[in-house]
Amino acid sequence: MRSLLLGTILGGLTAFLWSTTSWELLGWHEASVHAFPNEAEVVAAMTAKPLESGVYLLPSAPKADGLTDEQFKTLQAAATEKFQRGPIVFAAVRSGGFGSFSKAIAIQLLSLMAAAGLLTWLLLQTSGMSYRRRVLFLAVAGLTASVIVDLPNWNWWGFSGAYTAVNLVDFTLTWLLAGLVIAKVAKRSS
C-alpha cells in the first residue's frame, strides 16, 4: 500500500511538473495547432445561435428518428458524400468560456495522480524486472495510452501529423520521467 501511495503521489507530481514544462515552456503543442484566420467571424457564427457545451461534428450524421428506411438511406448517402468532400470539423465547445484556471490545474494534477496510481499498480503486478526495465515498462505504457487515443484521432478526425507526433512523444516522456520516480518507490513486498 505504501508503494502504491508513493507511486501515485510522487509519480503524479513528476508527470504534472513535466506536463507543465511541456505545455507552458516548450511551445511545441501550440506550434502544432492552427488559428482560424477569421476568428471573429467563427465566434460570431457560433454565438449567433448559441451552442450548448459539448462535442460537435461537421458534417453531422443523420438521425433515423421518424424517418423511413429509404429517407434515412438518402440522408446517409448525402452525409457520406459530404464527409468525402469535406471539410470535416470535430470540435469540443465550451460555451461559457474556460472558467477557473486554478480548478483546471487541480483537476489536471488529480488526473495525473490517478494515472500514476494506475501505472504504479500495473508495475506492482510485475516481478523480476530491473529498475531500467521497470522505467521502460512505464514509458511504453505512456506511449501505448497515446497510441490508443491519438492515432484514432489522427485517422478519423484529421488531427494533424505534427499534433499527433507531439502527443506521442510527450506522453512517452511524461511517463518515462514519472517512471523514473515510480520505479524507484514502487517495490513489491516479499
N, C-alpha and C. Protein backbone atom coordinates (compact mmCIF):
# COMPACT_ATOMS: atom_id res chain seq x y z
N MET A 1 0.83 -1.20 0.00
CA MET A 1 0.00 0.00 0.00
C MET A 1 0.87 1.26 0.00
N ARG A 2 1.97 1.21 0.74
CA ARG A 2 2.88 2.36 0.80
C ARG A 2 3.47 2.64 -0.58
N SER A 3 3.88 1.59 -1.29
CA SER A 3 4.44 1.76 -2.63
C SER A 3 3.41 2.37 -3.58
N LEU A 4 2.18 1.90 -3.49
CA LEU A 4 1.12 2.41 -4.35
C LEU A 4 0.87 3.89 -4.07
N LEU A 5 0.83 4.24 -2.80
CA LEU A 5 0.60 5.64 -2.41
C LEU A 5 1.76 6.53 -2.85
N LEU A 6 2.99 6.09 -2.61
CA LEU A 6 4.15 6.88 -3.02
C LEU A 6 4.22 7.02 -4.54
N GLY A 7 3.98 5.94 -5.26
CA GLY A 7 3.99 6.00 -6.73
C GLY A 7 2.92 6.93 -7.26
N THR A 8 1.74 6.87 -6.64
CA THR A 8 0.64 7.74 -7.05
C THR A 8 0.98 9.21 -6.85
N ILE A 9 1.44 9.54 -5.67
CA ILE A 9 1.70 10.96 -5.35
C ILE A 9 2.96 11.47 -6.06
N LEU A 10 4.08 10.77 -5.88
CA LEU A 10 5.33 11.26 -6.46
C LEU A 10 5.35 11.13 -7.98
N GLY A 11 4.80 10.04 -8.50
CA GLY A 11 4.71 9.88 -9.95
C GLY A 11 3.77 10.92 -10.56
N GLY A 12 2.64 11.16 -9.89
CA GLY A 12 1.69 12.17 -10.37
C GLY A 12 2.29 13.57 -10.36
N LEU A 13 3.03 13.89 -9.29
CA LEU A 13 3.69 15.20 -9.22
C LEU A 13 4.75 15.35 -10.31
N THR A 14 5.51 14.29 -10.54
CA THR A 14 6.54 14.33 -11.59
C THR A 14 5.89 14.53 -12.95
N ALA A 15 4.83 13.77 -13.23
CA ALA A 15 4.10 13.91 -14.50
C ALA A 15 3.54 15.33 -14.63
N PHE A 16 3.04 15.88 -13.54
CA PHE A 16 2.49 17.23 -13.55
C PHE A 16 3.57 18.27 -13.84
N LEU A 17 4.73 18.12 -13.22
CA LEU A 17 5.83 19.07 -13.46
C LEU A 17 6.29 19.01 -14.91
N TRP A 18 6.43 17.79 -15.46
CA TRP A 18 6.82 17.68 -16.87
C TRP A 18 5.73 18.26 -17.76
N SER A 19 4.48 17.93 -17.48
CA SER A 19 3.36 18.41 -18.30
C SER A 19 3.32 19.93 -18.31
N THR A 20 3.54 20.53 -17.16
CA THR A 20 3.57 21.99 -17.08
C THR A 20 4.72 22.55 -17.93
N THR A 21 5.88 21.93 -17.82
CA THR A 21 7.03 22.36 -18.62
C THR A 21 6.73 22.19 -20.11
N SER A 22 6.19 21.04 -20.45
CA SER A 22 5.90 20.73 -21.85
C SER A 22 4.92 21.72 -22.47
N TRP A 23 3.85 22.02 -21.75
CA TRP A 23 2.81 22.90 -22.30
C TRP A 23 3.14 24.38 -22.16
N GLU A 24 3.79 24.75 -21.07
CA GLU A 24 3.98 26.18 -20.80
C GLU A 24 5.32 26.73 -21.29
N LEU A 25 6.35 25.90 -21.35
CA LEU A 25 7.67 26.42 -21.68
C LEU A 25 8.19 26.01 -23.06
N LEU A 26 7.88 24.81 -23.49
CA LEU A 26 8.46 24.32 -24.74
C LEU A 26 7.77 24.87 -25.99
N GLY A 27 6.48 25.10 -25.93
CA GLY A 27 5.76 25.67 -27.08
C GLY A 27 5.50 24.71 -28.23
N TRP A 28 5.84 23.45 -28.06
CA TRP A 28 5.67 22.52 -29.18
C TRP A 28 4.22 22.13 -29.39
N HIS A 29 3.41 22.13 -28.34
CA HIS A 29 1.98 21.85 -28.52
C HIS A 29 1.31 22.97 -29.32
N GLU A 30 1.58 24.20 -28.94
CA GLU A 30 0.98 25.35 -29.63
C GLU A 30 1.42 25.42 -31.09
N ALA A 31 2.65 25.02 -31.36
CA ALA A 31 3.17 25.08 -32.73
C ALA A 31 2.44 24.12 -33.66
N SER A 32 1.78 23.11 -33.10
CA SER A 32 1.09 22.13 -33.94
C SER A 32 -0.41 22.41 -34.06
N VAL A 33 -0.87 23.54 -33.52
CA VAL A 33 -2.29 23.91 -33.58
C VAL A 33 -2.44 25.18 -34.42
N HIS A 34 -3.36 25.15 -35.36
CA HIS A 34 -3.61 26.31 -36.23
C HIS A 34 -4.63 27.25 -35.61
N ALA A 35 -4.55 28.51 -35.99
CA ALA A 35 -5.55 29.51 -35.60
C ALA A 35 -6.46 29.77 -36.79
N PHE A 36 -7.72 30.04 -36.51
CA PHE A 36 -8.63 30.44 -37.60
C PHE A 36 -8.20 31.82 -38.09
N PRO A 37 -8.03 32.03 -39.40
CA PRO A 37 -7.62 33.34 -39.90
C PRO A 37 -8.73 34.39 -39.71
N ASN A 38 -9.95 33.91 -39.57
CA ASN A 38 -11.10 34.80 -39.40
C ASN A 38 -11.80 34.47 -38.08
N GLU A 39 -11.05 34.49 -37.00
CA GLU A 39 -11.55 34.06 -35.70
C GLU A 39 -12.82 34.80 -35.28
N ALA A 40 -12.87 36.10 -35.49
CA ALA A 40 -14.05 36.87 -35.09
C ALA A 40 -15.30 36.38 -35.82
N GLU A 41 -15.16 36.04 -37.11
CA GLU A 41 -16.31 35.54 -37.87
C GLU A 41 -16.75 34.16 -37.37
N VAL A 42 -15.80 33.32 -37.01
CA VAL A 42 -16.14 31.99 -36.50
C VAL A 42 -16.87 32.13 -35.17
N VAL A 43 -16.37 32.99 -34.28
CA VAL A 43 -17.02 33.22 -32.99
C VAL A 43 -18.42 33.80 -33.22
N ALA A 44 -18.56 34.74 -34.14
CA ALA A 44 -19.87 35.33 -34.43
C ALA A 44 -20.84 34.26 -34.92
N ALA A 45 -20.38 33.37 -35.78
CA ALA A 45 -21.25 32.30 -36.29
C ALA A 45 -21.64 31.35 -35.16
N MET A 46 -20.71 31.07 -34.25
CA MET A 46 -21.01 30.15 -33.16
C MET A 46 -21.92 30.77 -32.11
N THR A 47 -21.88 32.08 -31.96
CA THR A 47 -22.69 32.73 -30.93
C THR A 47 -24.00 33.29 -31.48
N ALA A 48 -24.16 33.32 -32.80
CA ALA A 48 -25.41 33.81 -33.39
C ALA A 48 -26.58 32.96 -32.90
N LYS A 49 -26.39 31.66 -32.89
CA LYS A 49 -27.35 30.74 -32.28
C LYS A 49 -26.52 29.94 -31.29
N PRO A 50 -26.54 30.37 -30.01
CA PRO A 50 -25.64 29.80 -29.02
C PRO A 50 -25.66 28.26 -28.98
N LEU A 51 -24.47 27.69 -28.91
CA LEU A 51 -24.32 26.25 -28.81
C LEU A 51 -24.23 25.85 -27.35
N GLU A 52 -24.76 24.68 -27.03
CA GLU A 52 -24.52 24.18 -25.69
C GLU A 52 -23.14 23.54 -25.67
N SER A 53 -22.55 23.48 -24.50
CA SER A 53 -21.23 22.87 -24.38
C SER A 53 -21.32 21.40 -24.77
N GLY A 54 -20.28 20.93 -25.46
CA GLY A 54 -20.27 19.53 -25.87
C GLY A 54 -19.35 19.33 -27.06
N VAL A 55 -19.42 18.13 -27.64
CA VAL A 55 -18.61 17.76 -28.78
C VAL A 55 -19.48 17.84 -30.02
N TYR A 56 -18.96 18.46 -31.08
CA TYR A 56 -19.70 18.65 -32.32
C TYR A 56 -18.94 18.05 -33.49
N LEU A 57 -19.69 17.60 -34.46
CA LEU A 57 -19.12 17.03 -35.67
C LEU A 57 -19.80 17.69 -36.87
N LEU A 58 -18.99 18.14 -37.81
CA LEU A 58 -19.48 18.75 -39.05
C LEU A 58 -18.79 18.05 -40.22
N PRO A 59 -19.50 17.49 -41.16
CA PRO A 59 -20.96 17.41 -41.25
C PRO A 59 -21.49 16.42 -40.22
N SER A 60 -22.71 16.67 -39.77
CA SER A 60 -23.29 15.80 -38.75
C SER A 60 -23.91 14.57 -39.42
N ALA A 61 -23.94 13.49 -38.66
CA ALA A 61 -24.55 12.26 -39.15
C ALA A 61 -26.06 12.38 -39.03
N PRO A 62 -26.80 11.80 -39.97
CA PRO A 62 -28.26 11.89 -39.90
C PRO A 62 -28.82 11.05 -38.74
N LYS A 63 -29.93 11.50 -38.21
CA LYS A 63 -30.64 10.76 -37.15
C LYS A 63 -31.80 10.02 -37.81
N ALA A 64 -32.04 8.80 -37.40
CA ALA A 64 -33.07 7.96 -38.01
C ALA A 64 -34.46 8.21 -37.43
N ASP A 65 -34.55 9.03 -36.40
CA ASP A 65 -35.83 9.25 -35.72
C ASP A 65 -36.92 9.72 -36.69
N GLY A 66 -38.00 8.96 -36.76
CA GLY A 66 -39.15 9.36 -37.56
C GLY A 66 -38.98 9.23 -39.06
N LEU A 67 -37.91 8.65 -39.53
CA LEU A 67 -37.67 8.52 -40.96
C LEU A 67 -37.94 7.09 -41.43
N THR A 68 -38.36 6.97 -42.66
CA THR A 68 -38.46 5.64 -43.25
C THR A 68 -37.05 5.17 -43.57
N ASP A 69 -36.92 3.89 -43.82
CA ASP A 69 -35.60 3.35 -44.18
C ASP A 69 -35.05 4.05 -45.42
N GLU A 70 -35.90 4.29 -46.37
CA GLU A 70 -35.49 4.93 -47.62
C GLU A 70 -35.02 6.37 -47.38
N GLN A 71 -35.77 7.13 -46.58
CA GLN A 71 -35.38 8.51 -46.26
C GLN A 71 -34.03 8.53 -45.53
N PHE A 72 -33.87 7.60 -44.58
CA PHE A 72 -32.62 7.55 -43.83
C PHE A 72 -31.45 7.21 -44.75
N LYS A 73 -31.63 6.25 -45.65
CA LYS A 73 -30.57 5.87 -46.59
C LYS A 73 -30.18 7.04 -47.48
N THR A 74 -31.17 7.83 -47.90
CA THR A 74 -30.90 9.00 -48.72
C THR A 74 -30.07 10.02 -47.95
N LEU A 75 -30.47 10.30 -46.70
CA LEU A 75 -29.72 11.25 -45.87
C LEU A 75 -28.32 10.72 -45.55
N GLN A 76 -28.22 9.42 -45.32
CA GLN A 76 -26.93 8.81 -45.03
C GLN A 76 -25.99 8.91 -46.23
N ALA A 77 -26.51 8.71 -47.43
CA ALA A 77 -25.70 8.83 -48.65
C ALA A 77 -25.22 10.27 -48.82
N ALA A 78 -26.11 11.24 -48.55
CA ALA A 78 -25.72 12.65 -48.65
C ALA A 78 -24.64 12.99 -47.62
N ALA A 79 -24.78 12.46 -46.40
CA ALA A 79 -23.78 12.71 -45.36
C ALA A 79 -22.44 12.09 -45.73
N THR A 80 -22.46 10.90 -46.29
CA THR A 80 -21.23 10.24 -46.71
C THR A 80 -20.53 11.06 -47.78
N GLU A 81 -21.30 11.59 -48.70
CA GLU A 81 -20.72 12.43 -49.76
C GLU A 81 -20.10 13.69 -49.17
N LYS A 82 -20.76 14.30 -48.17
CA LYS A 82 -20.21 15.49 -47.51
C LYS A 82 -18.89 15.14 -46.79
N PHE A 83 -18.85 13.97 -46.16
CA PHE A 83 -17.62 13.54 -45.49
C PHE A 83 -16.50 13.34 -46.49
N GLN A 84 -16.83 12.79 -47.64
CA GLN A 84 -15.81 12.57 -48.67
C GLN A 84 -15.28 13.89 -49.21
N ARG A 85 -16.17 14.85 -49.37
CA ARG A 85 -15.81 16.14 -49.96
C ARG A 85 -15.14 17.07 -48.95
N GLY A 86 -15.60 17.02 -47.68
CA GLY A 86 -15.05 17.90 -46.66
C GLY A 86 -15.66 19.29 -46.71
N PRO A 87 -15.33 20.16 -45.84
CA PRO A 87 -14.43 19.97 -44.71
C PRO A 87 -15.10 19.17 -43.59
N ILE A 88 -14.27 18.62 -42.71
CA ILE A 88 -14.73 17.91 -41.53
C ILE A 88 -14.21 18.68 -40.32
N VAL A 89 -15.09 18.91 -39.37
CA VAL A 89 -14.71 19.58 -38.13
C VAL A 89 -15.16 18.71 -36.97
N PHE A 90 -14.22 18.41 -36.09
CA PHE A 90 -14.51 17.69 -34.85
C PHE A 90 -14.10 18.64 -33.76
N ALA A 91 -15.06 19.16 -32.99
CA ALA A 91 -14.75 20.25 -32.07
C ALA A 91 -15.37 20.04 -30.70
N ALA A 92 -14.62 20.41 -29.68
CA ALA A 92 -15.13 20.47 -28.32
C ALA A 92 -15.47 21.94 -28.05
N VAL A 93 -16.70 22.21 -27.67
CA VAL A 93 -17.15 23.58 -27.45
C VAL A 93 -17.47 23.77 -25.96
N ARG A 94 -16.89 24.81 -25.39
CA ARG A 94 -17.23 25.25 -24.04
C ARG A 94 -17.90 26.60 -24.19
N SER A 95 -19.20 26.61 -24.19
CA SER A 95 -19.91 27.85 -24.50
C SER A 95 -19.70 28.92 -23.44
N GLY A 96 -19.46 28.55 -22.21
CA GLY A 96 -19.31 29.53 -21.14
C GLY A 96 -17.89 29.97 -20.90
N GLY A 97 -16.97 29.64 -21.76
CA GLY A 97 -15.59 30.02 -21.55
C GLY A 97 -14.87 29.03 -20.66
N PHE A 98 -13.63 29.33 -20.33
CA PHE A 98 -12.78 28.38 -19.62
C PHE A 98 -13.13 28.24 -18.15
N GLY A 99 -13.44 29.34 -17.50
CA GLY A 99 -13.71 29.25 -16.07
C GLY A 99 -12.44 29.38 -15.26
N SER A 100 -12.41 28.71 -14.14
CA SER A 100 -11.32 28.84 -13.19
C SER A 100 -10.07 28.07 -13.63
N PHE A 101 -8.98 28.79 -13.81
CA PHE A 101 -7.71 28.18 -14.17
C PHE A 101 -7.20 27.33 -13.00
N SER A 102 -7.39 27.81 -11.78
CA SER A 102 -6.95 27.07 -10.59
C SER A 102 -7.65 25.72 -10.51
N LYS A 103 -8.94 25.69 -10.79
CA LYS A 103 -9.69 24.45 -10.76
C LYS A 103 -9.16 23.49 -11.83
N ALA A 104 -8.89 24.00 -13.03
CA ALA A 104 -8.37 23.16 -14.11
C ALA A 104 -7.01 22.58 -13.75
N ILE A 105 -6.16 23.37 -13.10
CA ILE A 105 -4.84 22.90 -12.66
C ILE A 105 -5.00 21.78 -11.63
N ALA A 106 -5.91 21.98 -10.69
CA ALA A 106 -6.15 20.97 -9.65
C ALA A 106 -6.67 19.67 -10.28
N ILE A 107 -7.58 19.78 -11.23
CA ILE A 107 -8.11 18.58 -11.91
C ILE A 107 -7.01 17.89 -12.70
N GLN A 108 -6.14 18.68 -13.36
CA GLN A 108 -5.02 18.09 -14.11
C GLN A 108 -4.10 17.32 -13.17
N LEU A 109 -3.77 17.91 -12.03
CA LEU A 109 -2.90 17.25 -11.06
C LEU A 109 -3.55 15.95 -10.57
N LEU A 110 -4.82 16.01 -10.22
CA LEU A 110 -5.52 14.81 -9.74
C LEU A 110 -5.62 13.75 -10.83
N SER A 111 -5.82 14.18 -12.08
CA SER A 111 -5.88 13.23 -13.21
C SER A 111 -4.54 12.52 -13.38
N LEU A 112 -3.45 13.27 -13.31
CA LEU A 112 -2.13 12.67 -13.46
C LEU A 112 -1.80 11.77 -12.27
N MET A 113 -2.27 12.13 -11.09
CA MET A 113 -2.07 11.24 -9.93
C MET A 113 -2.87 9.95 -10.10
N ALA A 114 -4.08 10.06 -10.65
CA ALA A 114 -4.87 8.86 -10.91
C ALA A 114 -4.16 7.96 -11.91
N ALA A 115 -3.62 8.56 -12.97
CA ALA A 115 -2.87 7.78 -13.96
C ALA A 115 -1.62 7.16 -13.32
N ALA A 116 -0.92 7.94 -12.50
CA ALA A 116 0.28 7.42 -11.82
C ALA A 116 -0.10 6.27 -10.89
N GLY A 117 -1.24 6.39 -10.23
CA GLY A 117 -1.71 5.31 -9.35
C GLY A 117 -1.99 4.04 -10.13
N LEU A 118 -2.66 4.18 -11.27
CA LEU A 118 -2.94 3.00 -12.10
C LEU A 118 -1.66 2.38 -12.64
N LEU A 119 -0.73 3.22 -13.09
CA LEU A 119 0.53 2.70 -13.61
C LEU A 119 1.39 2.08 -12.51
N THR A 120 1.34 2.66 -11.32
CA THR A 120 2.06 2.07 -10.19
C THR A 120 1.47 0.70 -9.88
N TRP A 121 0.15 0.61 -9.86
CA TRP A 121 -0.50 -0.68 -9.62
C TRP A 121 -0.07 -1.70 -10.67
N LEU A 122 -0.07 -1.29 -11.96
CA LEU A 122 0.38 -2.21 -13.01
C LEU A 122 1.81 -2.68 -12.76
N LEU A 123 2.67 -1.74 -12.43
CA LEU A 123 4.06 -2.08 -12.19
C LEU A 123 4.20 -3.05 -11.02
N LEU A 124 3.39 -2.86 -9.98
CA LEU A 124 3.44 -3.74 -8.81
C LEU A 124 2.97 -5.16 -9.14
N GLN A 125 2.32 -5.35 -10.29
CA GLN A 125 1.88 -6.68 -10.70
C GLN A 125 3.00 -7.46 -11.39
N THR A 126 4.10 -6.78 -11.68
CA THR A 126 5.22 -7.42 -12.37
C THR A 126 6.23 -7.92 -11.34
N SER A 127 7.15 -8.75 -11.79
CA SER A 127 8.22 -9.19 -10.90
C SER A 127 9.47 -9.49 -11.72
N GLY A 128 10.60 -9.41 -11.03
CA GLY A 128 11.87 -9.80 -11.64
C GLY A 128 12.45 -8.83 -12.66
N MET A 129 11.94 -7.62 -12.72
CA MET A 129 12.48 -6.66 -13.69
C MET A 129 13.46 -5.72 -12.99
N SER A 130 14.50 -5.36 -13.72
CA SER A 130 15.46 -4.39 -13.21
C SER A 130 14.81 -3.00 -13.17
N TYR A 131 15.47 -2.09 -12.47
CA TYR A 131 14.98 -0.71 -12.40
C TYR A 131 14.80 -0.14 -13.82
N ARG A 132 15.79 -0.36 -14.64
CA ARG A 132 15.75 0.17 -16.02
C ARG A 132 14.55 -0.39 -16.79
N ARG A 133 14.29 -1.68 -16.67
CA ARG A 133 13.16 -2.30 -17.37
C ARG A 133 11.83 -1.82 -16.80
N ARG A 134 11.79 -1.53 -15.51
CA ARG A 134 10.56 -1.02 -14.89
C ARG A 134 10.25 0.39 -15.43
N VAL A 135 11.29 1.20 -15.57
CA VAL A 135 11.12 2.55 -16.14
C VAL A 135 10.66 2.43 -17.59
N LEU A 136 11.29 1.56 -18.36
CA LEU A 136 10.91 1.34 -19.75
C LEU A 136 9.47 0.85 -19.86
N PHE A 137 9.07 -0.04 -18.97
CA PHE A 137 7.70 -0.54 -18.92
C PHE A 137 6.71 0.62 -18.80
N LEU A 138 6.99 1.57 -17.92
CA LEU A 138 6.09 2.71 -17.72
C LEU A 138 6.13 3.68 -18.90
N ALA A 139 7.29 3.88 -19.50
CA ALA A 139 7.37 4.74 -20.69
C ALA A 139 6.56 4.13 -21.83
N VAL A 140 6.65 2.82 -22.01
CA VAL A 140 5.88 2.16 -23.07
C VAL A 140 4.38 2.21 -22.75
N ALA A 141 4.03 2.13 -21.48
CA ALA A 141 2.62 2.27 -21.09
C ALA A 141 2.11 3.67 -21.48
N GLY A 142 2.93 4.70 -21.27
CA GLY A 142 2.55 6.06 -21.68
C GLY A 142 2.39 6.16 -23.18
N LEU A 143 3.33 5.59 -23.91
CA LEU A 143 3.23 5.57 -25.37
C LEU A 143 1.97 4.82 -25.81
N THR A 144 1.69 3.69 -25.16
CA THR A 144 0.50 2.90 -25.50
C THR A 144 -0.77 3.72 -25.31
N ALA A 145 -0.86 4.45 -24.21
CA ALA A 145 -2.03 5.29 -23.96
C ALA A 145 -2.21 6.31 -25.07
N SER A 146 -1.12 6.90 -25.51
CA SER A 146 -1.19 7.88 -26.58
C SER A 146 -1.58 7.24 -27.91
N VAL A 147 -1.03 6.06 -28.19
CA VAL A 147 -1.40 5.35 -29.42
C VAL A 147 -2.90 5.04 -29.42
N ILE A 148 -3.43 4.62 -28.27
CA ILE A 148 -4.85 4.28 -28.16
C ILE A 148 -5.72 5.50 -28.45
N VAL A 149 -5.31 6.67 -27.99
CA VAL A 149 -6.12 7.88 -28.13
C VAL A 149 -5.77 8.69 -29.38
N ASP A 150 -4.49 8.96 -29.57
CA ASP A 150 -4.08 9.93 -30.59
C ASP A 150 -4.10 9.39 -32.02
N LEU A 151 -3.75 8.14 -32.24
CA LEU A 151 -3.77 7.63 -33.61
C LEU A 151 -5.19 7.53 -34.18
N PRO A 152 -6.19 7.09 -33.40
CA PRO A 152 -7.55 7.15 -33.94
C PRO A 152 -8.01 8.58 -34.24
N ASN A 153 -7.63 9.55 -33.40
CA ASN A 153 -8.00 10.94 -33.69
C ASN A 153 -7.33 11.43 -34.97
N TRP A 154 -6.11 11.03 -35.20
CA TRP A 154 -5.41 11.37 -36.45
C TRP A 154 -6.11 10.70 -37.64
N ASN A 155 -6.43 9.45 -37.49
CA ASN A 155 -7.05 8.69 -38.57
C ASN A 155 -8.45 9.17 -38.90
N TRP A 156 -9.30 9.29 -37.90
CA TRP A 156 -10.72 9.56 -38.15
C TRP A 156 -11.05 11.04 -38.26
N TRP A 157 -10.43 11.87 -37.44
CA TRP A 157 -10.86 13.27 -37.36
C TRP A 157 -9.88 14.26 -37.96
N GLY A 158 -8.79 13.77 -38.50
CA GLY A 158 -7.88 14.68 -39.19
C GLY A 158 -6.95 15.46 -38.29
N PHE A 159 -6.74 15.00 -37.05
CA PHE A 159 -5.74 15.64 -36.21
C PHE A 159 -4.43 15.59 -36.99
N SER A 160 -3.71 16.66 -37.04
CA SER A 160 -2.53 16.73 -37.90
C SER A 160 -1.44 15.75 -37.44
N GLY A 161 -0.58 15.42 -38.38
CA GLY A 161 0.55 14.56 -38.06
C GLY A 161 1.46 15.19 -37.02
N ALA A 162 1.66 16.51 -37.12
CA ALA A 162 2.52 17.21 -36.16
C ALA A 162 1.91 17.17 -34.76
N TYR A 163 0.63 17.45 -34.65
CA TYR A 163 -0.07 17.42 -33.36
C TYR A 163 0.01 16.01 -32.76
N THR A 164 -0.24 15.00 -33.60
CA THR A 164 -0.22 13.62 -33.15
C THR A 164 1.19 13.22 -32.69
N ALA A 165 2.20 13.58 -33.46
CA ALA A 165 3.58 13.24 -33.12
C ALA A 165 3.99 13.88 -31.79
N VAL A 166 3.63 15.14 -31.59
CA VAL A 166 3.96 15.82 -30.34
C VAL A 166 3.31 15.08 -29.17
N ASN A 167 2.05 14.69 -29.33
CA ASN A 167 1.38 13.97 -28.25
C ASN A 167 2.03 12.62 -27.97
N LEU A 168 2.39 11.89 -29.03
CA LEU A 168 3.04 10.59 -28.84
C LEU A 168 4.35 10.75 -28.06
N VAL A 169 5.15 11.73 -28.46
CA VAL A 169 6.43 11.95 -27.77
C VAL A 169 6.19 12.46 -26.35
N ASP A 170 5.26 13.38 -26.19
CA ASP A 170 5.02 13.98 -24.88
C ASP A 170 4.51 12.94 -23.87
N PHE A 171 3.56 12.10 -24.27
CA PHE A 171 3.06 11.06 -23.36
C PHE A 171 4.18 10.10 -22.98
N THR A 172 5.02 9.74 -23.94
CA THR A 172 6.13 8.83 -23.65
C THR A 172 7.09 9.48 -22.66
N LEU A 173 7.45 10.74 -22.90
CA LEU A 173 8.36 11.44 -21.98
C LEU A 173 7.74 11.64 -20.60
N THR A 174 6.45 11.95 -20.58
CA THR A 174 5.77 12.14 -19.29
C THR A 174 5.93 10.90 -18.42
N TRP A 175 5.64 9.74 -19.01
CA TRP A 175 5.65 8.52 -18.20
C TRP A 175 7.04 7.90 -18.10
N LEU A 176 7.96 8.31 -18.94
CA LEU A 176 9.36 7.94 -18.74
C LEU A 176 9.89 8.66 -17.50
N LEU A 177 9.66 9.97 -17.44
CA LEU A 177 10.14 10.76 -16.30
C LEU A 177 9.43 10.36 -15.00
N ALA A 178 8.12 10.22 -15.07
CA ALA A 178 7.39 9.76 -13.88
C ALA A 178 7.81 8.33 -13.53
N GLY A 179 8.11 7.55 -14.57
CA GLY A 179 8.55 6.18 -14.35
C GLY A 179 9.86 6.09 -13.60
N LEU A 180 10.74 7.07 -13.81
CA LEU A 180 12.00 7.10 -13.05
C LEU A 180 11.72 7.15 -11.54
N VAL A 181 10.68 7.89 -11.18
CA VAL A 181 10.31 8.02 -9.78
C VAL A 181 9.49 6.81 -9.31
N ILE A 182 8.48 6.46 -10.08
CA ILE A 182 7.60 5.35 -9.69
C ILE A 182 8.40 4.05 -9.53
N ALA A 183 9.27 3.77 -10.48
CA ALA A 183 10.05 2.53 -10.42
C ALA A 183 10.98 2.50 -9.20
N LYS A 184 11.35 3.66 -8.71
CA LYS A 184 12.23 3.75 -7.53
C LYS A 184 11.44 3.48 -6.26
N VAL A 185 10.21 4.00 -6.17
CA VAL A 185 9.45 3.91 -4.91
C VAL A 185 8.48 2.74 -4.87
N ALA A 186 8.09 2.22 -6.01
CA ALA A 186 7.10 1.14 -6.05
C ALA A 186 7.82 -0.22 -6.02
N LYS A 187 7.85 -0.79 -4.86
CA LYS A 187 8.53 -2.07 -4.70
C LYS A 187 7.53 -3.09 -4.15
N ARG A 188 7.55 -4.25 -4.75
CA ARG A 188 6.67 -5.32 -4.28
C ARG A 188 7.15 -5.82 -2.93
N SER A 189 6.19 -6.09 -2.04
CA SER A 189 6.60 -6.68 -0.77
C SER A 189 6.82 -8.17 -0.98
N SER A 190 7.76 -8.71 -0.25
CA SER A 190 8.10 -10.11 -0.49
C SER A 190 7.14 -11.05 0.23
